[in-house]
Structure formats: C-alpha cells, structure tokens
C-alpha cells in the first residue's frame, strides 16, 4: 500500500511559478510510474503529466507542454511538478498518482494523494 502526500500548492499570479511535491511512503517508490492529474471546479479530473519508473520517459498533456516539467527523485521517494508561466486556466486541485506504467487514463492508477490546490489569478 502506497501513501502519497502532495504539497506546494498556493495562490500565484499569472506568469508565475510553483513547484509541487508528492512524498511517497509505504511501498517501493521506484517500482511505480507516477502521474499528475488536476481537477477544476465542475470538470472531470484530467491527465497532466506522467513519468516512468526510472524517469527516462515523460509525457504531457498538450496544454502544459513547454511550461510544466515532471521529475522524480527515487532516493527521496518524491515526485515533482515544476509549473512555470502559469495561466488562470491552470487553476485546479492537483493530484499525484502511482501506477504500473505511464498511463494517461486516471482509471489505470492504483494510488492517489489527497490533492493540493493551485490558484492562478489574472
């Protein structure tokens, strides 16, 4: 059983940056592919980015390519999402998730964190 705890969310102006972290415990972090998802009010939870077990492969939703970077530190059991050039439409609760492969469908992930709120003001 893997426990995931996100942190680093907050309020930022458009054009600003935030770095989200996801601390994992209770399992072998390096055995899992990891993903970031987000859910805005009244919308479905959507895929943002995913990274393979060794960090060698990453995938992003088109709307964040060139602005967001997913990374991981297997020695620290931590996943990151560096978010630059933030836009008001990036406002959402951001969730990290653990799964067996770099899937883009939330249904393919086995473990989820509780989420962290990101609010981007215009």
N, C-alpha and C. Protein backbone atom coordinates (compact mmCIF):
# COMPACT_ATOMS: atom_id res chain seq x y z
N UNK A 1 0.84 -1.18 0.00
CA UNK A 1 0.00 0.00 0.00
C UNK A 1 0.89 1.24 0.00
N UNK A 2 0.69 2.10 -0.96
CA UNK A 2 1.48 3.32 -1.09
C UNK A 2 0.66 4.50 -0.62
N UNK A 3 1.25 5.32 0.22
CA UNK A 3 0.63 6.57 0.64
C UNK A 3 1.32 7.73 -0.06
N UNK A 4 0.51 8.66 -0.56
CA UNK A 4 1.03 9.80 -1.31
C UNK A 4 0.51 11.09 -0.69
N UNK A 5 1.41 12.03 -0.48
CA UNK A 5 1.03 13.32 0.12
C UNK A 5 1.60 14.45 -0.73
N UNK A 6 0.70 15.25 -1.31
CA UNK A 6 1.11 16.38 -2.14
C UNK A 6 1.33 17.62 -1.27
N UNK A 7 2.18 18.51 -1.75
CA UNK A 7 2.40 19.80 -1.11
C UNK A 7 2.89 20.78 -2.16
N UNK A 8 2.91 22.06 -1.80
CA UNK A 8 3.47 23.08 -2.68
C UNK A 8 2.45 23.92 -3.41
N UNK A 9 1.18 23.62 -3.26
CA UNK A 9 0.18 24.43 -3.91
C UNK A 9 0.05 25.80 -3.25
N UNK A 10 -0.73 26.67 -3.89
CA UNK A 10 -0.93 28.01 -3.34
C UNK A 10 -1.53 28.94 -4.36
N UNK A 11 -1.49 30.23 -4.02
CA UNK A 11 -2.01 31.28 -4.88
C UNK A 11 -0.84 31.99 -5.56
N UNK A 12 -0.92 32.14 -6.87
CA UNK A 12 0.15 32.78 -7.63
C UNK A 12 -0.47 33.61 -8.74
N UNK A 13 0.22 34.67 -9.13
CA UNK A 13 -0.27 35.49 -10.24
C UNK A 13 0.06 34.82 -11.57
N UNK A 14 -0.72 35.16 -12.57
CA UNK A 14 -0.46 34.65 -13.92
C UNK A 14 0.98 35.00 -14.32
N UNK A 15 1.64 34.02 -14.95
CA UNK A 15 3.03 34.18 -15.32
C UNK A 15 4.01 33.69 -14.27
N UNK A 16 3.52 33.41 -13.09
CA UNK A 16 4.37 32.95 -12.00
C UNK A 16 4.65 31.47 -12.06
N UNK A 17 5.35 30.99 -11.03
CA UNK A 17 5.76 29.59 -10.97
C UNK A 17 5.43 28.98 -9.61
N UNK A 18 5.24 27.67 -9.62
CA UNK A 18 5.10 26.87 -8.41
C UNK A 18 5.76 25.53 -8.65
N UNK A 19 6.24 24.90 -7.58
CA UNK A 19 6.73 23.53 -7.67
C UNK A 19 5.94 22.68 -6.69
N UNK A 20 5.25 21.70 -7.23
CA UNK A 20 4.52 20.74 -6.41
C UNK A 20 5.41 19.56 -6.08
N UNK A 21 5.22 19.01 -4.90
CA UNK A 21 5.92 17.80 -4.48
C UNK A 21 4.91 16.75 -4.08
N UNK A 22 5.30 15.50 -4.21
CA UNK A 22 4.47 14.37 -3.80
C UNK A 22 5.38 13.39 -3.10
N UNK A 23 5.23 13.28 -1.79
CA UNK A 23 6.05 12.38 -0.99
C UNK A 23 5.36 11.02 -0.87
N UNK A 24 6.10 9.97 -1.17
CA UNK A 24 5.56 8.62 -1.14
C UNK A 24 6.12 7.83 0.03
N UNK A 25 5.28 6.96 0.60
CA UNK A 25 5.72 6.08 1.67
C UNK A 25 4.92 4.78 1.62
N UNK A 26 5.42 3.77 2.29
CA UNK A 26 4.70 2.51 2.41
C UNK A 26 4.86 1.55 1.26
N UNK A 27 5.69 1.87 0.30
CA UNK A 27 5.90 0.98 -0.83
C UNK A 27 7.24 1.26 -1.47
N UNK A 28 7.52 0.56 -2.56
CA UNK A 28 8.77 0.77 -3.29
C UNK A 28 8.52 1.80 -4.37
N UNK A 29 8.88 3.06 -4.07
CA UNK A 29 8.55 4.17 -4.95
C UNK A 29 9.10 3.94 -6.36
N UNK A 30 10.31 3.44 -6.45
CA UNK A 30 10.94 3.27 -7.76
C UNK A 30 10.27 2.21 -8.62
N UNK A 31 9.37 1.42 -8.06
CA UNK A 31 8.66 0.40 -8.82
C UNK A 31 7.46 0.95 -9.56
N UNK A 32 7.09 2.19 -9.26
CA UNK A 32 5.86 2.77 -9.81
C UNK A 32 6.15 3.87 -10.81
N UNK A 33 5.39 3.84 -11.92
CA UNK A 33 5.27 5.04 -12.72
C UNK A 33 4.39 6.02 -11.95
N UNK A 34 4.63 7.30 -12.16
CA UNK A 34 3.90 8.31 -11.41
C UNK A 34 3.24 9.30 -12.36
N UNK A 35 2.13 9.84 -11.91
CA UNK A 35 1.41 10.81 -12.73
C UNK A 35 0.90 11.97 -11.92
N UNK A 36 0.69 13.08 -12.61
CA UNK A 36 -0.01 14.24 -12.05
C UNK A 36 -1.31 14.42 -12.82
N UNK A 37 -2.38 14.65 -12.08
CA UNK A 37 -3.69 14.94 -12.64
C UNK A 37 -4.19 16.22 -11.98
N UNK A 38 -5.21 16.83 -12.57
CA UNK A 38 -5.81 18.02 -11.96
C UNK A 38 -7.30 18.02 -12.21
N UNK A 39 -8.00 18.68 -11.29
CA UNK A 39 -9.45 18.76 -11.39
C UNK A 39 -9.89 20.17 -11.04
N UNK A 40 -10.46 20.85 -12.03
CA UNK A 40 -11.01 22.19 -11.82
C UNK A 40 -12.46 22.05 -11.39
N UNK A 41 -13.02 23.07 -10.74
CA UNK A 41 -14.41 23.00 -10.29
C UNK A 41 -15.37 22.70 -11.44
N UNK A 42 -16.22 21.72 -11.24
CA UNK A 42 -17.22 21.37 -12.24
C UNK A 42 -16.70 20.61 -13.44
N UNK A 43 -15.43 20.19 -13.38
CA UNK A 43 -14.84 19.48 -14.51
C UNK A 43 -14.33 18.11 -14.08
N UNK A 44 -14.09 17.26 -15.09
CA UNK A 44 -13.53 15.95 -14.83
C UNK A 44 -12.06 16.08 -14.44
N UNK A 45 -11.57 15.10 -13.69
CA UNK A 45 -10.15 15.05 -13.38
C UNK A 45 -9.40 14.70 -14.66
N UNK A 46 -8.39 15.50 -15.00
CA UNK A 46 -7.69 15.31 -16.27
C UNK A 46 -6.21 15.04 -16.07
N UNK A 47 -5.65 14.31 -17.02
CA UNK A 47 -4.24 13.99 -17.03
C UNK A 47 -3.41 15.24 -17.29
N UNK A 48 -2.29 15.36 -16.56
CA UNK A 48 -1.37 16.47 -16.77
C UNK A 48 -0.02 15.96 -17.27
N UNK A 49 0.57 15.00 -16.55
CA UNK A 49 1.90 14.51 -16.91
C UNK A 49 2.14 13.17 -16.25
N UNK A 50 3.06 12.40 -16.84
CA UNK A 50 3.43 11.12 -16.26
C UNK A 50 4.90 10.86 -16.50
N UNK A 51 5.50 10.06 -15.63
CA UNK A 51 6.93 9.76 -15.72
C UNK A 51 7.14 8.29 -15.41
N UNK A 52 8.06 7.67 -16.14
CA UNK A 52 8.34 6.26 -15.95
C UNK A 52 9.11 6.02 -14.65
N UNK A 53 9.28 4.73 -14.33
CA UNK A 53 9.88 4.37 -13.05
C UNK A 53 11.29 4.95 -12.86
N UNK A 54 12.09 4.96 -13.92
CA UNK A 54 13.46 5.49 -13.79
C UNK A 54 13.59 6.93 -14.27
N UNK A 55 12.48 7.53 -14.63
CA UNK A 55 12.48 8.92 -15.07
C UNK A 55 12.87 9.13 -16.51
N UNK A 56 13.10 8.05 -17.23
CA UNK A 56 13.58 8.17 -18.60
C UNK A 56 12.53 8.58 -19.61
N UNK A 57 11.28 8.38 -19.29
CA UNK A 57 10.19 8.73 -20.22
C UNK A 57 9.19 9.62 -19.51
N UNK A 58 8.80 10.69 -20.19
CA UNK A 58 7.80 11.60 -19.67
C UNK A 58 6.80 11.94 -20.77
N UNK A 59 5.58 12.20 -20.36
CA UNK A 59 4.52 12.57 -21.31
C UNK A 59 3.69 13.68 -20.66
N UNK A 60 3.19 14.58 -21.51
CA UNK A 60 2.43 15.73 -21.02
C UNK A 60 1.17 15.93 -21.85
N UNK A 61 0.17 16.50 -21.22
CA UNK A 61 -0.97 16.98 -21.98
C UNK A 61 -0.52 18.20 -22.78
N UNK A 62 -1.08 18.40 -23.95
CA UNK A 62 -0.60 19.45 -24.85
C UNK A 62 -0.64 20.83 -24.19
N UNK A 63 -1.63 21.07 -23.36
CA UNK A 63 -1.82 22.41 -22.79
C UNK A 63 -0.71 22.83 -21.83
N UNK A 64 0.11 21.90 -21.36
CA UNK A 64 1.18 22.26 -20.42
C UNK A 64 2.57 22.04 -21.00
N UNK A 65 2.67 21.49 -22.20
CA UNK A 65 3.98 21.25 -22.80
C UNK A 65 4.77 22.54 -22.92
N UNK A 66 6.04 22.49 -22.53
CA UNK A 66 6.89 23.66 -22.56
C UNK A 66 6.78 24.55 -21.34
N UNK A 67 5.79 24.30 -20.50
CA UNK A 67 5.61 25.11 -19.28
C UNK A 67 5.80 24.28 -18.01
N UNK A 68 5.37 23.03 -18.02
CA UNK A 68 5.46 22.16 -16.85
C UNK A 68 6.54 21.10 -17.08
N UNK A 69 7.20 20.70 -15.99
CA UNK A 69 8.18 19.63 -16.04
C UNK A 69 7.95 18.67 -14.89
N UNK A 70 7.75 17.40 -15.23
CA UNK A 70 7.61 16.36 -14.22
C UNK A 70 8.98 15.72 -14.00
N UNK A 71 9.29 15.42 -12.73
CA UNK A 71 10.56 14.78 -12.42
C UNK A 71 10.38 13.97 -11.14
N UNK A 72 11.36 13.15 -10.83
CA UNK A 72 11.29 12.34 -9.62
C UNK A 72 12.69 12.13 -9.05
N UNK A 73 12.72 11.91 -7.75
CA UNK A 73 13.95 11.57 -7.05
C UNK A 73 13.68 10.28 -6.30
N UNK A 74 14.12 9.17 -6.88
CA UNK A 74 13.82 7.87 -6.26
C UNK A 74 14.55 7.69 -4.93
N UNK A 75 15.66 8.39 -4.74
CA UNK A 75 16.36 8.31 -3.47
C UNK A 75 15.61 9.00 -2.34
N UNK A 76 14.77 9.97 -2.71
CA UNK A 76 13.97 10.70 -1.72
C UNK A 76 12.50 10.30 -1.75
N UNK A 77 12.16 9.32 -2.59
CA UNK A 77 10.75 8.88 -2.71
C UNK A 77 9.81 10.05 -2.98
N UNK A 78 10.22 10.93 -3.88
CA UNK A 78 9.45 12.15 -4.12
C UNK A 78 9.29 12.41 -5.61
N UNK A 79 8.09 12.83 -5.94
CA UNK A 79 7.73 13.24 -7.30
C UNK A 79 7.56 14.76 -7.30
N UNK A 80 7.90 15.39 -8.42
CA UNK A 80 7.78 16.84 -8.52
C UNK A 80 7.03 17.25 -9.78
N UNK A 81 6.45 18.44 -9.72
CA UNK A 81 5.90 19.07 -10.91
C UNK A 81 6.28 20.54 -10.85
N UNK A 82 7.22 20.93 -11.69
CA UNK A 82 7.60 22.34 -11.81
C UNK A 82 6.67 22.99 -12.80
N UNK A 83 5.98 24.04 -12.36
CA UNK A 83 4.99 24.71 -13.19
C UNK A 83 5.43 26.16 -13.40
N UNK A 84 5.73 26.51 -14.63
CA UNK A 84 6.13 27.86 -14.99
C UNK A 84 5.10 28.50 -15.91
N UNK A 85 5.18 29.81 -16.05
CA UNK A 85 4.27 30.56 -16.93
C UNK A 85 2.82 30.16 -16.67
N UNK A 86 2.45 30.15 -15.42
CA UNK A 86 1.11 29.70 -15.05
C UNK A 86 0.03 30.62 -15.60
N UNK A 87 -1.09 30.00 -15.93
CA UNK A 87 -2.24 30.70 -16.50
C UNK A 87 -3.45 30.49 -15.60
N UNK A 88 -4.43 31.39 -15.64
CA UNK A 88 -5.63 31.19 -14.81
C UNK A 88 -6.30 29.85 -15.08
N UNK A 89 -6.23 29.36 -16.30
CA UNK A 89 -6.85 28.07 -16.62
C UNK A 89 -6.12 26.88 -16.02
N UNK A 90 -4.97 27.10 -15.40
CA UNK A 90 -4.28 26.04 -14.68
C UNK A 90 -4.83 25.87 -13.26
N UNK A 91 -5.74 26.74 -12.85
CA UNK A 91 -6.33 26.66 -11.52
C UNK A 91 -7.08 25.35 -11.36
N UNK A 92 -6.72 24.59 -10.32
CA UNK A 92 -7.32 23.27 -10.09
C UNK A 92 -6.73 22.68 -8.81
N UNK A 93 -7.32 21.59 -8.38
CA UNK A 93 -6.69 20.75 -7.38
C UNK A 93 -5.80 19.75 -8.13
N UNK A 94 -4.55 19.67 -7.73
CA UNK A 94 -3.58 18.80 -8.39
C UNK A 94 -3.35 17.56 -7.53
N UNK A 95 -3.41 16.40 -8.19
CA UNK A 95 -3.25 15.12 -7.52
C UNK A 95 -2.07 14.36 -8.11
N UNK A 96 -1.32 13.67 -7.26
CA UNK A 96 -0.34 12.73 -7.76
C UNK A 96 -0.90 11.32 -7.63
N UNK A 97 -0.39 10.43 -8.47
CA UNK A 97 -0.90 9.07 -8.51
C UNK A 97 0.22 8.11 -8.89
N UNK A 98 0.09 6.87 -8.41
CA UNK A 98 1.08 5.84 -8.68
C UNK A 98 0.42 4.69 -9.43
N UNK A 99 1.13 4.19 -10.44
CA UNK A 99 0.60 3.09 -11.23
C UNK A 99 1.72 2.23 -11.77
N UNK A 100 1.37 1.25 -12.60
CA UNK A 100 2.38 0.31 -13.09
C UNK A 100 3.04 0.77 -14.38
N UNK A 101 2.47 1.76 -15.04
CA UNK A 101 3.04 2.24 -16.30
C UNK A 101 2.61 3.67 -16.53
N UNK A 102 3.20 4.29 -17.55
CA UNK A 102 2.95 5.71 -17.81
C UNK A 102 1.63 5.89 -18.54
N UNK A 103 0.56 5.62 -17.84
CA UNK A 103 -0.77 5.76 -18.42
C UNK A 103 -1.25 7.19 -18.37
N UNK A 104 -2.18 7.51 -19.24
CA UNK A 104 -2.80 8.83 -19.25
C UNK A 104 -4.24 8.79 -18.75
N UNK A 105 -4.75 7.61 -18.48
CA UNK A 105 -6.12 7.44 -18.01
C UNK A 105 -6.10 7.29 -16.50
N UNK A 106 -6.86 8.10 -15.80
CA UNK A 106 -6.84 8.06 -14.33
C UNK A 106 -7.27 6.70 -13.80
N UNK A 107 -8.05 5.97 -14.56
CA UNK A 107 -8.51 4.67 -14.12
C UNK A 107 -7.40 3.62 -14.03
N UNK A 108 -6.25 3.92 -14.61
CA UNK A 108 -5.14 2.97 -14.61
C UNK A 108 -4.18 3.18 -13.45
N UNK A 109 -4.46 4.13 -12.58
CA UNK A 109 -3.60 4.39 -11.44
C UNK A 109 -4.21 3.78 -10.18
N UNK A 110 -3.33 3.22 -9.35
CA UNK A 110 -3.78 2.46 -8.20
C UNK A 110 -3.85 3.27 -6.91
N UNK A 111 -2.98 4.25 -6.77
CA UNK A 111 -2.89 5.01 -5.53
C UNK A 111 -2.92 6.49 -5.83
N UNK A 112 -3.59 7.24 -4.93
CA UNK A 112 -3.77 8.67 -5.13
C UNK A 112 -3.48 9.43 -3.85
N UNK A 113 -2.99 10.67 -4.03
CA UNK A 113 -2.87 11.57 -2.90
C UNK A 113 -4.17 12.32 -2.68
N UNK A 114 -4.16 13.20 -1.70
CA UNK A 114 -5.38 13.93 -1.32
C UNK A 114 -5.55 15.23 -2.11
N UNK A 115 -4.51 15.62 -2.81
CA UNK A 115 -4.59 16.81 -3.65
C UNK A 115 -4.08 18.06 -2.98
N UNK A 116 -3.63 19.01 -3.81
CA UNK A 116 -3.19 20.32 -3.33
C UNK A 116 -3.75 21.37 -4.29
N UNK A 117 -4.27 22.46 -3.71
CA UNK A 117 -4.95 23.48 -4.51
C UNK A 117 -3.93 24.44 -5.13
N UNK A 118 -4.09 24.67 -6.42
CA UNK A 118 -3.31 25.68 -7.15
C UNK A 118 -4.30 26.69 -7.70
N UNK A 119 -4.10 27.96 -7.36
CA UNK A 119 -4.96 29.03 -7.84
C UNK A 119 -4.10 30.08 -8.53
N UNK A 120 -4.43 30.37 -9.78
CA UNK A 120 -3.68 31.35 -10.57
C UNK A 120 -4.59 32.53 -10.83
N UNK A 121 -4.20 33.69 -10.34
CA UNK A 121 -5.01 34.89 -10.51
C UNK A 121 -4.56 35.65 -11.77
N UNK A 122 -5.51 36.31 -12.39
CA UNK A 122 -5.22 37.05 -13.63
C UNK A 122 -4.81 38.48 -13.34
